[in-house]
Amino acid sequence: MNVKHKIAVYGTLRPAEGEAVEIPGKIYDLGWFPGLVLDDSGATVKGTWIEVDDVRLAQLDRYEGYRKDRPESSLYLRKPFQGGWVYVYNRSIGSRDFIESGDWLAFTKQEQGVAA
């Protein structure tokens, strides 16, 4: 039996259409992909829910650089969020640019993420 997982995607994995979700936090421009930092500042990030099976979840973990066995060295962490998951950046933001709109697709002028 293959379990289904809901994931809130907001960047390169975000499809053009789907169930919208607002994620409390901020995203930053890290080059060709964004980094999400969860916070309670009142800022929100625009995302879309996707549903994946166990195999696709493992693929997404690799894509996001998430290592369940070594989270401290992961590029992103997969965190519980509203009954599903969201990938959160696991490095220092430093002087990266904050994306005020909270919308990666609008910021990059794309209809959907490059890996959607």
N, C-alpha and C. Protein backbone atom coordinates (compact mmCIF):
# COMPACT_ATOMS: atom_id res chain seq x y z
N MET A 1 0.84 -1.19 0.00
CA MET A 1 0.00 0.00 0.00
C MET A 1 0.89 1.25 0.00
N ASN A 2 0.58 2.15 -0.88
CA ASN A 2 1.38 3.37 -1.02
C ASN A 2 0.66 4.55 -0.37
N VAL A 3 1.29 5.14 0.62
CA VAL A 3 0.71 6.26 1.38
C VAL A 3 0.80 7.53 0.55
N LYS A 4 -0.20 8.37 0.67
CA LYS A 4 -0.20 9.68 0.00
C LYS A 4 0.23 10.75 0.99
N HIS A 5 1.03 11.69 0.51
CA HIS A 5 1.54 12.78 1.33
C HIS A 5 1.20 14.11 0.68
N LYS A 6 0.72 15.05 1.48
CA LYS A 6 0.47 16.42 1.00
C LYS A 6 1.72 17.25 1.27
N ILE A 7 2.13 18.02 0.27
CA ILE A 7 3.29 18.90 0.43
C ILE A 7 2.93 20.28 -0.08
N ALA A 8 3.22 21.28 0.73
CA ALA A 8 3.03 22.67 0.33
C ALA A 8 4.30 23.11 -0.40
N VAL A 9 4.18 23.35 -1.72
CA VAL A 9 5.34 23.76 -2.53
C VAL A 9 5.18 25.22 -2.91
N TYR A 10 6.29 25.94 -2.97
CA TYR A 10 6.25 27.40 -3.14
C TYR A 10 7.28 27.92 -4.14
N GLY A 11 8.11 27.06 -4.67
CA GLY A 11 9.20 27.53 -5.54
C GLY A 11 9.29 26.74 -6.83
N THR A 12 10.42 26.09 -7.04
CA THR A 12 10.68 25.39 -8.30
C THR A 12 9.77 24.19 -8.51
N LEU A 13 9.11 23.71 -7.47
CA LEU A 13 8.19 22.57 -7.59
C LEU A 13 6.73 23.00 -7.74
N ARG A 14 6.47 24.28 -7.65
CA ARG A 14 5.08 24.78 -7.63
C ARG A 14 4.44 24.69 -9.02
N PRO A 15 3.32 23.98 -9.11
CA PRO A 15 2.61 23.90 -10.39
C PRO A 15 1.83 25.18 -10.69
N ALA A 16 1.40 25.31 -11.93
CA ALA A 16 0.66 26.50 -12.36
C ALA A 16 -0.72 26.56 -11.69
N GLU A 17 -1.31 25.41 -11.40
CA GLU A 17 -2.65 25.37 -10.82
C GLU A 17 -2.68 24.38 -9.67
N GLY A 18 -3.69 24.52 -8.83
CA GLY A 18 -3.87 23.61 -7.71
C GLY A 18 -4.44 24.33 -6.52
N GLU A 19 -4.57 23.61 -5.43
CA GLU A 19 -5.12 24.17 -4.19
C GLU A 19 -4.10 25.10 -3.55
N ALA A 20 -4.47 26.37 -3.45
CA ALA A 20 -3.57 27.39 -2.89
C ALA A 20 -3.42 27.22 -1.38
N VAL A 21 -2.26 27.61 -0.89
CA VAL A 21 -1.98 27.60 0.54
C VAL A 21 -1.09 28.79 0.87
N GLU A 22 -1.34 29.42 2.01
CA GLU A 22 -0.47 30.49 2.48
C GLU A 22 0.38 29.94 3.62
N ILE A 23 1.68 30.12 3.49
CA ILE A 23 2.63 29.59 4.46
C ILE A 23 3.15 30.76 5.28
N PRO A 24 3.05 30.70 6.61
CA PRO A 24 3.53 31.81 7.44
C PRO A 24 5.06 31.86 7.45
N GLY A 25 5.61 32.88 6.84
CA GLY A 25 7.06 33.01 6.79
C GLY A 25 7.49 33.89 5.65
N LYS A 26 8.76 33.77 5.30
CA LYS A 26 9.34 34.61 4.25
C LYS A 26 10.17 33.74 3.32
N ILE A 27 10.22 34.16 2.04
CA ILE A 27 11.12 33.49 1.12
C ILE A 27 12.18 34.46 0.64
N TYR A 28 13.32 33.88 0.34
CA TYR A 28 14.49 34.64 -0.09
C TYR A 28 15.01 34.09 -1.41
N ASP A 29 15.56 34.97 -2.21
CA ASP A 29 16.13 34.61 -3.51
C ASP A 29 17.52 34.02 -3.29
N LEU A 30 17.66 32.73 -3.58
CA LEU A 30 18.94 32.04 -3.42
C LEU A 30 19.60 31.76 -4.77
N GLY A 31 19.16 32.43 -5.80
CA GLY A 31 19.68 32.19 -7.15
C GLY A 31 18.58 31.61 -8.01
N TRP A 32 18.72 30.36 -8.40
CA TRP A 32 17.68 29.75 -9.24
C TRP A 32 16.58 29.07 -8.43
N PHE A 33 16.62 29.19 -7.10
CA PHE A 33 15.58 28.63 -6.24
C PHE A 33 15.41 29.51 -5.00
N PRO A 34 14.25 29.39 -4.33
CA PRO A 34 14.02 30.19 -3.12
C PRO A 34 14.31 29.41 -1.85
N GLY A 35 14.48 30.13 -0.76
CA GLY A 35 14.60 29.52 0.56
C GLY A 35 13.50 30.04 1.46
N LEU A 36 12.76 29.15 2.07
CA LEU A 36 11.67 29.50 2.98
C LEU A 36 12.17 29.49 4.42
N VAL A 37 11.83 30.55 5.16
CA VAL A 37 12.09 30.62 6.58
C VAL A 37 10.74 30.82 7.26
N LEU A 38 10.33 29.87 8.08
CA LEU A 38 9.06 30.00 8.80
C LEU A 38 9.23 31.01 9.92
N ASP A 39 8.24 31.88 10.09
CA ASP A 39 8.27 32.83 11.21
C ASP A 39 6.87 33.33 11.50
N ASP A 40 6.75 34.14 12.52
CA ASP A 40 5.44 34.68 12.90
C ASP A 40 5.40 36.19 12.71
N SER A 41 6.08 36.68 11.68
CA SER A 41 6.15 38.12 11.41
C SER A 41 4.86 38.66 10.80
N GLY A 42 3.99 37.76 10.35
CA GLY A 42 2.78 38.19 9.65
C GLY A 42 2.93 38.08 8.13
N ALA A 43 4.16 37.91 7.66
CA ALA A 43 4.40 37.71 6.22
C ALA A 43 3.93 36.31 5.83
N THR A 44 3.50 36.16 4.58
CA THR A 44 3.11 34.84 4.10
C THR A 44 3.74 34.57 2.74
N VAL A 45 3.87 33.29 2.46
CA VAL A 45 4.43 32.81 1.20
C VAL A 45 3.31 32.10 0.45
N LYS A 46 3.19 32.38 -0.84
CA LYS A 46 2.17 31.74 -1.66
C LYS A 46 2.67 30.37 -2.09
N GLY A 47 1.83 29.37 -1.86
CA GLY A 47 2.18 28.01 -2.23
C GLY A 47 1.00 27.28 -2.82
N THR A 48 1.24 26.04 -3.19
CA THR A 48 0.22 25.16 -3.74
C THR A 48 0.41 23.78 -3.12
N TRP A 49 -0.68 23.15 -2.75
CA TRP A 49 -0.60 21.78 -2.25
C TRP A 49 -0.44 20.82 -3.41
N ILE A 50 0.46 19.86 -3.24
CA ILE A 50 0.55 18.74 -4.17
C ILE A 50 0.43 17.47 -3.34
N GLU A 51 0.05 16.38 -3.99
CA GLU A 51 -0.04 15.10 -3.31
C GLU A 51 0.89 14.12 -4.01
N VAL A 52 1.69 13.42 -3.23
CA VAL A 52 2.66 12.48 -3.79
C VAL A 52 2.62 11.16 -3.03
N ASP A 53 3.12 10.11 -3.68
CA ASP A 53 3.23 8.82 -2.99
C ASP A 53 4.61 8.70 -2.35
N ASP A 54 4.87 7.57 -1.71
CA ASP A 54 6.13 7.36 -1.00
C ASP A 54 7.35 7.49 -1.91
N VAL A 55 7.25 6.95 -3.12
CA VAL A 55 8.37 7.00 -4.07
C VAL A 55 8.68 8.44 -4.46
N ARG A 56 7.64 9.19 -4.80
CA ARG A 56 7.85 10.59 -5.19
C ARG A 56 8.34 11.43 -4.00
N LEU A 57 7.86 11.12 -2.79
CA LEU A 57 8.33 11.84 -1.60
C LEU A 57 9.84 11.63 -1.43
N ALA A 58 10.30 10.42 -1.61
CA ALA A 58 11.74 10.14 -1.50
C ALA A 58 12.51 10.90 -2.59
N GLN A 59 11.94 10.99 -3.80
CA GLN A 59 12.58 11.77 -4.87
C GLN A 59 12.65 13.25 -4.50
N LEU A 60 11.57 13.78 -3.93
CA LEU A 60 11.55 15.18 -3.52
C LEU A 60 12.54 15.45 -2.39
N ASP A 61 12.65 14.51 -1.47
CA ASP A 61 13.64 14.65 -0.39
C ASP A 61 15.05 14.80 -0.99
N ARG A 62 15.37 13.97 -1.98
CA ARG A 62 16.69 14.07 -2.63
C ARG A 62 16.83 15.40 -3.36
N TYR A 63 15.79 15.81 -4.09
CA TYR A 63 15.81 17.07 -4.84
C TYR A 63 16.06 18.26 -3.90
N GLU A 64 15.43 18.23 -2.73
CA GLU A 64 15.55 19.32 -1.76
C GLU A 64 16.78 19.20 -0.87
N GLY A 65 17.55 18.15 -1.05
CA GLY A 65 18.74 17.97 -0.22
C GLY A 65 18.42 17.63 1.22
N TYR A 66 17.26 16.99 1.44
CA TYR A 66 16.85 16.60 2.79
C TYR A 66 17.34 15.19 3.09
N ARG A 67 18.06 15.07 4.20
CA ARG A 67 18.57 13.77 4.65
C ARG A 67 17.94 13.46 6.00
N LYS A 68 16.99 12.55 5.97
CA LYS A 68 16.27 12.18 7.19
C LYS A 68 17.23 11.68 8.28
N ASP A 69 18.28 10.98 7.86
CA ASP A 69 19.24 10.43 8.82
C ASP A 69 20.29 11.44 9.28
N ARG A 70 20.40 12.57 8.56
CA ARG A 70 21.37 13.61 8.93
C ARG A 70 20.77 14.99 8.69
N PRO A 71 19.72 15.34 9.43
CA PRO A 71 19.05 16.61 9.18
C PRO A 71 19.96 17.83 9.35
N GLU A 72 20.93 17.76 10.24
CA GLU A 72 21.81 18.91 10.46
C GLU A 72 22.61 19.29 9.22
N SER A 73 22.85 18.34 8.33
CA SER A 73 23.61 18.63 7.11
C SER A 73 22.71 18.81 5.89
N SER A 74 21.40 18.78 6.08
CA SER A 74 20.45 18.92 4.97
C SER A 74 20.36 20.36 4.50
N LEU A 75 20.18 20.54 3.19
CA LEU A 75 19.96 21.87 2.63
C LEU A 75 18.58 22.39 3.06
N TYR A 76 17.59 21.51 3.02
CA TYR A 76 16.23 21.82 3.47
C TYR A 76 15.81 20.77 4.47
N LEU A 77 14.90 21.14 5.35
CA LEU A 77 14.28 20.20 6.27
C LEU A 77 12.82 20.03 5.86
N ARG A 78 12.30 18.83 5.95
CA ARG A 78 10.88 18.58 5.69
C ARG A 78 10.17 18.67 7.02
N LYS A 79 9.35 19.73 7.17
CA LYS A 79 8.68 20.02 8.44
C LYS A 79 7.17 19.76 8.31
N PRO A 80 6.53 19.27 9.39
CA PRO A 80 5.08 19.13 9.38
C PRO A 80 4.41 20.49 9.21
N PHE A 81 3.36 20.52 8.39
CA PHE A 81 2.64 21.77 8.14
C PHE A 81 1.20 21.47 7.75
N GLN A 82 0.26 21.91 8.54
CA GLN A 82 -1.18 21.80 8.26
C GLN A 82 -1.59 20.42 7.76
N GLY A 83 -1.15 19.39 8.42
CA GLY A 83 -1.53 18.03 8.04
C GLY A 83 -0.71 17.47 6.88
N GLY A 84 0.28 18.20 6.45
CA GLY A 84 1.15 17.76 5.36
C GLY A 84 2.59 18.11 5.70
N TRP A 85 3.34 18.51 4.68
CA TRP A 85 4.75 18.84 4.83
C TRP A 85 5.08 20.11 4.08
N VAL A 86 6.19 20.75 4.48
CA VAL A 86 6.76 21.86 3.74
C VAL A 86 8.27 21.79 3.91
N TYR A 87 9.00 22.13 2.85
CA TYR A 87 10.46 22.14 2.92
C TYR A 87 10.93 23.53 3.34
N VAL A 88 11.75 23.57 4.40
CA VAL A 88 12.23 24.81 5.00
C VAL A 88 13.74 24.87 4.84
N TYR A 89 14.24 26.02 4.41
CA TYR A 89 15.67 26.22 4.20
C TYR A 89 16.43 26.01 5.51
N ASN A 90 17.55 25.29 5.46
CA ASN A 90 18.29 24.91 6.66
C ASN A 90 19.70 25.50 6.70
N ARG A 91 19.84 26.68 6.12
CA ARG A 91 21.13 27.39 6.13
C ARG A 91 20.88 28.84 6.54
N SER A 92 21.96 29.56 6.74
CA SER A 92 21.84 30.99 7.03
C SER A 92 21.41 31.73 5.77
N ILE A 93 20.48 32.65 5.91
CA ILE A 93 20.03 33.46 4.78
C ILE A 93 21.08 34.51 4.43
N GLY A 94 21.82 34.96 5.41
CA GLY A 94 22.87 35.95 5.17
C GLY A 94 22.27 37.22 4.57
N SER A 95 22.84 37.69 3.50
CA SER A 95 22.39 38.94 2.87
C SER A 95 21.51 38.69 1.65
N ARG A 96 20.89 37.53 1.57
CA ARG A 96 20.02 37.21 0.42
C ARG A 96 18.82 38.15 0.39
N ASP A 97 18.31 38.39 -0.82
CA ASP A 97 17.18 39.29 -1.01
C ASP A 97 15.86 38.65 -0.58
N PHE A 98 15.14 39.36 0.27
CA PHE A 98 13.80 38.98 0.71
C PHE A 98 12.83 39.25 -0.43
N ILE A 99 11.97 38.31 -0.75
CA ILE A 99 10.96 38.46 -1.79
C ILE A 99 9.68 38.93 -1.12
N GLU A 100 9.44 40.23 -1.16
CA GLU A 100 8.34 40.84 -0.41
C GLU A 100 6.97 40.30 -0.77
N SER A 101 6.75 39.97 -2.05
CA SER A 101 5.44 39.48 -2.47
C SER A 101 5.14 38.10 -1.90
N GLY A 102 6.18 37.36 -1.51
CA GLY A 102 5.99 35.99 -1.04
C GLY A 102 5.63 35.03 -2.15
N ASP A 103 5.78 35.47 -3.39
CA ASP A 103 5.35 34.67 -4.54
C ASP A 103 6.54 34.45 -5.48
N TRP A 104 7.13 33.27 -5.42
CA TRP A 104 8.29 32.94 -6.24
C TRP A 104 7.97 33.00 -7.74
N LEU A 105 6.80 32.51 -8.13
CA LEU A 105 6.44 32.50 -9.55
C LEU A 105 6.31 33.92 -10.10
N ALA A 106 5.68 34.81 -9.35
CA ALA A 106 5.57 36.20 -9.79
C ALA A 106 6.96 36.85 -9.83
N PHE A 107 7.79 36.56 -8.83
CA PHE A 107 9.13 37.13 -8.74
C PHE A 107 9.99 36.72 -9.94
N THR A 108 9.86 35.45 -10.36
CA THR A 108 10.66 34.94 -11.48
C THR A 108 9.95 35.08 -12.83
N LYS A 109 8.71 35.60 -12.78
CA LYS A 109 7.90 35.76 -13.99
C LYS A 109 7.72 34.43 -14.73
N GLN A 110 7.43 33.38 -13.95
CA GLN A 110 7.17 32.05 -14.49
C GLN A 110 5.72 31.67 -14.24
N GLU A 111 5.18 30.83 -15.11
CA GLU A 111 3.82 30.33 -14.90
C GLU A 111 3.79 29.19 -13.90
N GLN A 112 4.89 28.42 -13.85
CA GLN A 112 5.02 27.35 -12.87
C GLN A 112 6.50 27.13 -12.60
N GLY A 113 6.79 26.42 -11.53
CA GLY A 113 8.17 26.15 -11.19
C GLY A 113 8.87 25.32 -12.26
N VAL A 114 10.16 25.43 -12.36
CA VAL A 114 10.92 24.75 -13.40
C VAL A 114 10.94 23.23 -13.22
N ALA A 115 10.65 22.75 -12.02
CA ALA A 115 10.66 21.31 -11.76
C ALA A 115 9.26 20.80 -11.42
N ALA A 116 8.24 21.61 -11.68
CA ALA A 116 6.87 21.23 -11.30
C ALA A 116 6.38 20.01 -12.04
